N, C-alpha and C. Protein backbone atom coordinates (compact mmCIF):
# COMPACT_ATOMS: atom_id res chain seq x y z
N UNK A 1 7.50 4.31 -3.78
CA UNK A 1 6.12 4.32 -3.42
C UNK A 1 5.37 3.34 -4.25
N UNK A 2 4.58 2.54 -3.56
CA UNK A 2 3.74 1.49 -4.25
C UNK A 2 2.64 2.13 -5.04
N UNK A 3 2.21 1.55 -6.11
CA UNK A 3 1.09 1.97 -6.90
C UNK A 3 -0.18 1.61 -6.19
N UNK A 4 -1.01 2.60 -5.71
CA UNK A 4 -2.20 2.24 -5.01
C UNK A 4 -3.45 2.44 -5.92
N UNK A 5 -3.20 2.55 -7.21
CA UNK A 5 -4.27 2.66 -8.10
C UNK A 5 -4.91 4.04 -8.24
N UNK A 6 -5.89 4.24 -9.03
CA UNK A 6 -6.44 5.50 -9.31
C UNK A 6 -7.36 6.08 -8.23
N UNK A 7 -7.74 5.20 -7.25
CA UNK A 7 -8.65 5.64 -6.20
C UNK A 7 -10.07 5.34 -6.52
N UNK A 8 -11.00 5.43 -5.60
CA UNK A 8 -12.32 5.24 -5.70
C UNK A 8 -13.02 6.59 -5.73
N UNK A 9 -13.77 6.93 -6.72
CA UNK A 9 -14.41 8.24 -6.79
C UNK A 9 -15.91 8.12 -6.32
N UNK A 10 -16.38 9.12 -5.59
CA UNK A 10 -17.76 9.20 -5.06
C UNK A 10 -18.17 10.63 -5.25
N UNK A 11 -19.28 10.84 -5.94
CA UNK A 11 -19.74 12.28 -6.12
C UNK A 11 -19.95 12.99 -4.75
N UNK A 12 -20.16 12.29 -3.73
CA UNK A 12 -20.40 12.95 -2.45
C UNK A 12 -19.07 13.51 -1.82
N UNK A 13 -17.92 13.04 -2.32
CA UNK A 13 -16.66 13.53 -1.76
C UNK A 13 -15.83 14.07 -2.85
N UNK A 14 -15.11 15.21 -2.49
CA UNK A 14 -14.35 15.88 -3.56
C UNK A 14 -12.93 15.25 -3.86
N UNK A 15 -12.63 14.17 -3.11
CA UNK A 15 -11.32 13.57 -3.27
C UNK A 15 -11.48 12.09 -3.60
N UNK A 16 -10.40 11.51 -4.14
CA UNK A 16 -10.34 10.07 -4.33
C UNK A 16 -9.94 9.37 -3.12
N UNK A 17 -10.55 8.13 -2.87
CA UNK A 17 -10.17 7.34 -1.78
C UNK A 17 -9.42 6.10 -2.27
N UNK A 18 -8.59 5.60 -1.43
CA UNK A 18 -7.82 4.37 -1.81
C UNK A 18 -8.65 3.15 -1.36
N UNK A 19 -8.55 2.05 -2.15
CA UNK A 19 -9.09 0.76 -1.68
C UNK A 19 -8.37 0.41 -0.44
N UNK A 20 -9.05 -0.06 0.58
CA UNK A 20 -8.51 -0.34 1.89
C UNK A 20 -7.30 -1.29 1.81
N UNK A 21 -7.49 -2.43 1.03
CA UNK A 21 -6.35 -3.37 0.85
C UNK A 21 -5.07 -2.68 0.35
N UNK A 22 -5.21 -1.84 -0.60
CA UNK A 22 -4.04 -1.13 -1.16
C UNK A 22 -3.46 -0.18 -0.08
N UNK A 23 -4.34 0.51 0.65
CA UNK A 23 -3.87 1.39 1.64
C UNK A 23 -3.09 0.67 2.73
N UNK A 24 -3.54 -0.43 3.19
CA UNK A 24 -2.86 -1.34 4.12
C UNK A 24 -1.49 -1.71 3.56
N UNK A 25 -1.49 -2.11 2.24
CA UNK A 25 -0.21 -2.47 1.62
C UNK A 25 0.77 -1.33 1.74
N UNK A 26 0.32 -0.08 1.33
CA UNK A 26 1.18 1.01 1.35
C UNK A 26 1.69 1.33 2.74
N UNK A 27 0.81 1.28 3.79
CA UNK A 27 1.24 1.47 5.16
C UNK A 27 2.27 0.41 5.58
N UNK A 28 2.02 -0.86 5.29
CA UNK A 28 2.92 -1.90 5.69
C UNK A 28 4.29 -1.74 5.01
N UNK A 29 4.34 -1.32 3.77
CA UNK A 29 5.67 -1.11 3.07
C UNK A 29 6.39 0.08 3.71
N UNK A 30 5.73 1.16 3.99
CA UNK A 30 6.37 2.36 4.50
C UNK A 30 6.96 2.00 5.89
N UNK A 31 6.19 1.21 6.71
CA UNK A 31 6.69 0.72 7.97
C UNK A 31 7.21 1.83 8.91
N UNK A 32 6.46 2.88 9.06
CA UNK A 32 6.80 3.96 9.95
C UNK A 32 5.95 3.86 11.24
N UNK A 33 6.33 4.56 12.25
CA UNK A 33 5.51 4.61 13.48
C UNK A 33 4.08 5.02 13.24
N UNK A 34 3.94 6.12 12.52
CA UNK A 34 2.52 6.61 12.29
C UNK A 34 1.75 5.75 11.42
N UNK A 35 2.41 4.87 10.55
CA UNK A 35 1.73 3.90 9.80
C UNK A 35 1.12 2.74 10.66
N UNK A 36 1.95 2.37 11.66
CA UNK A 36 1.44 1.38 12.71
C UNK A 36 0.29 1.96 13.46
N UNK A 37 0.41 3.22 13.82
CA UNK A 37 -0.76 3.89 14.52
C UNK A 37 -1.99 3.87 13.76
N UNK A 38 -1.90 4.23 12.40
CA UNK A 38 -3.05 4.28 11.55
C UNK A 38 -3.69 2.88 11.45
N UNK A 39 -2.86 1.83 11.28
CA UNK A 39 -3.44 0.49 11.21
C UNK A 39 -4.06 0.12 12.54
N UNK A 40 -3.41 0.53 13.67
CA UNK A 40 -4.10 0.26 14.97
C UNK A 40 -5.40 0.93 15.03
N UNK A 41 -5.48 2.14 14.57
CA UNK A 41 -6.77 2.95 14.52
C UNK A 41 -7.83 2.19 13.70
N UNK A 42 -7.42 1.65 12.54
CA UNK A 42 -8.37 0.94 11.71
C UNK A 42 -8.82 -0.31 12.40
N UNK A 43 -7.98 -0.97 13.14
CA UNK A 43 -8.33 -2.21 13.96
C UNK A 43 -9.32 -1.83 15.02
N UNK A 44 -8.97 -0.69 15.79
CA UNK A 44 -9.80 -0.30 16.85
C UNK A 44 -11.21 0.16 16.37
N UNK A 45 -11.27 0.71 15.18
CA UNK A 45 -12.53 1.16 14.66
C UNK A 45 -13.35 -0.03 13.96
N UNK A 46 -12.67 -1.20 14.00
CA UNK A 46 -13.27 -2.43 13.45
C UNK A 46 -13.43 -2.25 11.94
N UNK A 47 -12.61 -1.46 11.28
CA UNK A 47 -12.58 -1.32 9.84
C UNK A 47 -11.76 -2.49 9.24
N UNK A 48 -10.90 -3.10 10.11
CA UNK A 48 -10.13 -4.27 9.65
C UNK A 48 -10.11 -5.28 10.77
N UNK A 49 -9.92 -6.50 10.44
CA UNK A 49 -9.70 -7.56 11.44
C UNK A 49 -8.66 -8.56 10.84
N UNK A 50 -8.42 -9.67 11.46
CA UNK A 50 -7.32 -10.60 11.01
C UNK A 50 -7.60 -11.09 9.65
N UNK A 51 -8.78 -11.17 9.16
CA UNK A 51 -9.09 -11.62 7.83
C UNK A 51 -8.42 -10.67 6.70
N UNK A 52 -8.03 -9.48 7.10
CA UNK A 52 -7.42 -8.54 6.19
C UNK A 52 -6.04 -8.96 5.81
N UNK A 53 -5.37 -9.88 6.51
CA UNK A 53 -4.10 -10.43 6.12
C UNK A 53 -4.14 -10.99 4.75
N UNK A 54 -5.23 -11.56 4.33
CA UNK A 54 -5.43 -12.17 3.01
C UNK A 54 -5.49 -11.12 1.93
N UNK A 55 -5.69 -9.74 2.22
CA UNK A 55 -5.80 -8.77 1.34
C UNK A 55 -4.51 -8.02 0.98
N UNK A 56 -3.41 -8.43 1.70
CA UNK A 56 -2.20 -7.77 1.40
C UNK A 56 -1.19 -8.80 0.85
N UNK A 57 -0.04 -8.33 0.22
CA UNK A 57 0.83 -9.42 -0.34
C UNK A 57 1.37 -10.31 0.76
N UNK A 58 1.60 -11.53 0.31
CA UNK A 58 2.10 -12.57 1.24
C UNK A 58 3.35 -12.06 2.05
N UNK A 59 4.22 -11.36 1.40
CA UNK A 59 5.45 -10.92 2.15
C UNK A 59 5.11 -9.97 3.25
N UNK A 60 3.94 -9.39 3.35
CA UNK A 60 3.58 -8.41 4.35
C UNK A 60 2.62 -8.95 5.38
N UNK A 61 2.19 -10.11 5.19
CA UNK A 61 1.17 -10.69 6.04
C UNK A 61 1.60 -10.87 7.57
N UNK A 62 2.77 -11.30 7.73
CA UNK A 62 3.33 -11.51 9.09
C UNK A 62 3.43 -10.08 9.76
N UNK A 63 3.85 -9.05 9.07
CA UNK A 63 3.94 -7.73 9.60
C UNK A 63 2.56 -7.26 10.07
N UNK A 64 1.52 -7.40 9.23
CA UNK A 64 0.22 -7.02 9.61
C UNK A 64 -0.29 -7.79 10.82
N UNK A 65 -0.08 -9.04 10.84
CA UNK A 65 -0.43 -9.87 12.10
C UNK A 65 0.28 -9.37 13.29
N UNK A 66 1.57 -9.03 13.18
CA UNK A 66 2.27 -8.48 14.35
C UNK A 66 1.74 -7.18 14.77
N UNK A 67 1.38 -6.26 13.86
CA UNK A 67 0.84 -4.95 14.20
C UNK A 67 -0.52 -5.10 14.80
N UNK A 68 -1.32 -6.00 14.33
CA UNK A 68 -2.68 -6.26 14.96
C UNK A 68 -2.45 -6.77 16.39
N UNK A 69 -1.47 -7.78 16.54
CA UNK A 69 -1.22 -8.32 17.91
C UNK A 69 -0.87 -7.15 18.83
N UNK A 70 0.00 -6.26 18.34
CA UNK A 70 0.49 -5.13 19.20
C UNK A 70 -0.70 -4.24 19.60
N UNK A 71 -1.61 -3.94 18.61
CA UNK A 71 -2.83 -3.17 18.95
C UNK A 71 -3.73 -3.85 20.01
N UNK A 72 -3.84 -5.20 19.82
CA UNK A 72 -4.65 -5.90 20.80
C UNK A 72 -4.04 -5.84 22.23
N UNK A 73 -2.78 -5.96 22.35
CA UNK A 73 -2.08 -5.95 23.64
C UNK A 73 -2.25 -4.52 24.18
N UNK A 74 -2.09 -3.55 23.34
CA UNK A 74 -2.09 -2.11 23.83
C UNK A 74 -3.52 -1.68 24.13
N UNK A 75 -4.56 -2.03 23.35
CA UNK A 75 -5.85 -1.49 23.56
C UNK A 75 -6.86 -2.49 24.00
N UNK A 76 -6.65 -3.77 23.90
CA UNK A 76 -7.66 -4.74 24.26
C UNK A 76 -8.87 -4.48 23.38
N UNK A 77 -10.10 -4.54 23.99
CA UNK A 77 -11.34 -4.27 23.25
C UNK A 77 -11.76 -2.89 23.30
N UNK A 78 -10.96 -2.00 23.87
CA UNK A 78 -11.39 -0.65 24.03
C UNK A 78 -11.32 0.10 22.68
N UNK A 79 -12.30 0.87 22.36
CA UNK A 79 -12.32 1.65 21.18
C UNK A 79 -11.42 2.92 21.33
N UNK A 80 -10.97 3.22 22.60
CA UNK A 80 -10.22 4.45 22.81
C UNK A 80 -8.81 4.21 23.06
């Protein structure tokens, strides 16, 4: 399991949140179907775009690009 840091604390939420770049890295390393779906959901919600490839380790950038390509083919511009 990759180290995703201590999380981001916010008094409005009772739980820690991960920095998005670290979350993407964890999802890309795990490389499971539901991780691909989560990344597609982030892309569809416009939480990430192609610029996010710069926020993950170089060894994972191609995988993120491929997963975004797949989401674009599957969903186009539809948010659903």
